[in-house]
Structures are given as C-alpha cells and as structure tokens.
Amino acid sequence: MDLHTHILPKMDDGSGAVGTSLAMLRREAEQGVDAVCATSHYYAHHEGIGAFCARRAEALERLTSALTDDLPRVLPAAEVAYFSHMEE
C-alpha cells in the first residue's frame, strides 16, 4: 500500500488528468502496490471541509470509473495542513 499519493485528477499539485492518474497507478501496480491512499492537499483556510470532500468524491469517481481490475484500489484520504487553532 502506498500511503501518500497525489493521484486524484485536478485536486492539487499532483495528477492533472485521469490518463495521468491511470499511468501513475500502472507504475504502482508494476511495483506490487495493491492500494493507494489519495492524500490530496486540504487547506482549511482556503476551502471548507464539505466542499473539499465533495470535490474529492467527484475526482475519485472520475478516476474509479476508469480503473481496471489490474490496477490498485484508490482510497480517499487527505494531507491536512496544520493551522493554529486547529483543535477548535
């Protein structure tokens, strides 16, 4: 399992398209990876959590609809930027 990827298309500074994401997943599969965590950047000061989760779900659906059985599973996750007063 790869615990840190920016594989979801057009979510952050990672993949810019579904085709690029599929190529990345093929490289993961070649290395024996069977699942990846899609850790898209989340910045609370730029976007609410609801909007982020909806945008991530849409990107995940675009990618998973193109997946084939020989590619790793893609699990939704996030790379959350720390900010002051985060605990509130």
Protein backbone atom coordinates (compact mmCIF):
# COMPACT_ATOMS: atom_id res chain seq x y z
CA MET A 1 0.00 0.00 0.00
CA ASP A 2 1.20 3.48 -0.88
CA LEU A 3 0.11 5.77 1.95
CA HIS A 4 0.86 9.10 0.27
CA THR A 5 -0.14 9.93 -3.30
CA HIS A 6 -1.48 12.92 -5.18
CA ILE A 7 -3.23 10.72 -7.70
CA LEU A 8 -6.71 12.24 -7.94
CA PRO A 9 -7.01 14.27 -11.14
CA LYS A 10 -7.08 18.06 -10.76
CA MET A 11 -7.23 18.02 -6.96
CA ASP A 12 -3.87 19.59 -6.16
CA ASP A 13 -0.32 19.69 -7.50
CA GLY A 14 -0.41 16.01 -8.50
CA SER A 15 -2.14 14.48 -11.48
CA GLY A 16 -3.77 16.86 -13.93
CA ALA A 17 -5.90 14.31 -15.79
CA VAL A 18 -7.45 10.84 -15.47
CA GLY A 19 -4.98 9.48 -18.05
CA THR A 20 -2.05 10.68 -15.95
CA SER A 21 -3.57 9.11 -12.84
CA LEU A 22 -4.00 5.79 -14.66
CA ALA A 23 -0.36 5.87 -15.77
CA MET A 24 0.68 6.55 -12.17
CA LEU A 25 -1.43 3.60 -10.99
CA ARG A 26 0.14 1.34 -13.63
CA ARG A 27 3.58 2.22 -12.25
CA GLU A 28 2.35 1.46 -8.73
CA ALA A 29 0.99 -1.93 -9.88
CA GLU A 30 4.33 -2.76 -11.53
CA GLN A 31 5.94 -2.31 -8.10
CA GLY A 32 3.46 -4.66 -6.42
CA VAL A 33 1.26 -1.98 -4.85
CA ASP A 34 -2.37 -3.12 -4.49
CA ALA A 35 -3.87 0.02 -2.91
CA VAL A 36 -3.06 3.72 -2.67
CA CYS A 37 -4.28 6.46 -0.36
CA ALA A 38 -5.23 9.54 -2.34
CA THR A 39 -3.86 12.19 0.02
CA SER A 40 -4.95 15.38 -1.70
CA HIS A 41 -3.92 18.62 0.00
CA TYR A 42 -6.53 20.14 2.30
CA TYR A 43 -6.13 23.74 3.44
CA ALA A 44 -8.93 24.76 5.80
CA HIS A 45 -8.25 28.46 5.26
CA HIS A 46 -8.94 28.05 1.51
CA GLU A 47 -11.90 25.67 1.45
CA GLY A 48 -14.50 24.27 3.84
CA ILE A 49 -14.35 20.58 4.67
CA GLY A 50 -17.71 19.90 2.99
CA ALA A 51 -16.60 21.48 -0.28
CA PHE A 52 -13.29 19.63 -0.16
CA CYS A 53 -14.97 16.27 0.46
CA ALA A 54 -17.45 16.86 -2.38
CA ARG A 55 -14.66 17.85 -4.78
CA ARG A 56 -12.60 14.84 -3.71
CA ALA A 57 -15.58 12.50 -4.20
CA GLU A 58 -16.09 13.82 -7.74
CA ALA A 59 -12.40 13.35 -8.60
CA LEU A 60 -12.42 9.87 -7.07
CA GLU A 61 -15.49 8.92 -9.13
CA ARG A 62 -13.87 10.18 -12.34
CA LEU A 63 -10.83 8.04 -11.63
CA THR A 64 -12.52 4.90 -10.30
CA SER A 65 -14.88 4.78 -13.28
CA ALA A 66 -11.79 4.34 -15.47
CA LEU A 67 -10.00 1.76 -13.29
CA THR A 68 -9.41 -1.79 -14.45
CA ASP A 69 -9.05 -4.84 -12.19
CA ASP A 70 -5.27 -4.95 -12.59
CA LEU A 71 -4.78 -1.50 -11.00
CA PRO A 72 -4.52 -0.68 -7.28
CA ARG A 73 -7.59 0.37 -5.28
CA VAL A 74 -7.77 4.10 -4.59
CA LEU A 75 -8.79 5.09 -1.06
CA PRO A 76 -9.88 8.65 -0.23
CA ALA A 77 -7.67 10.45 2.28
CA ALA A 78 -6.16 13.90 2.76
CA GLU A 79 -2.91 15.64 3.57
CA VAL A 80 -4.18 18.23 6.04
CA ALA A 81 -2.15 21.39 6.50
CA TYR A 82 -1.73 22.26 10.17
CA PHE A 83 -3.02 25.66 11.20
CA SER A 84 -3.26 27.48 14.51
CA HIS A 85 -6.48 26.87 16.45
CA MET A 86 -6.95 23.62 14.53
CA GLU A 87 -8.40 21.94 17.61
CA GLU A 88 -11.31 24.38 17.82
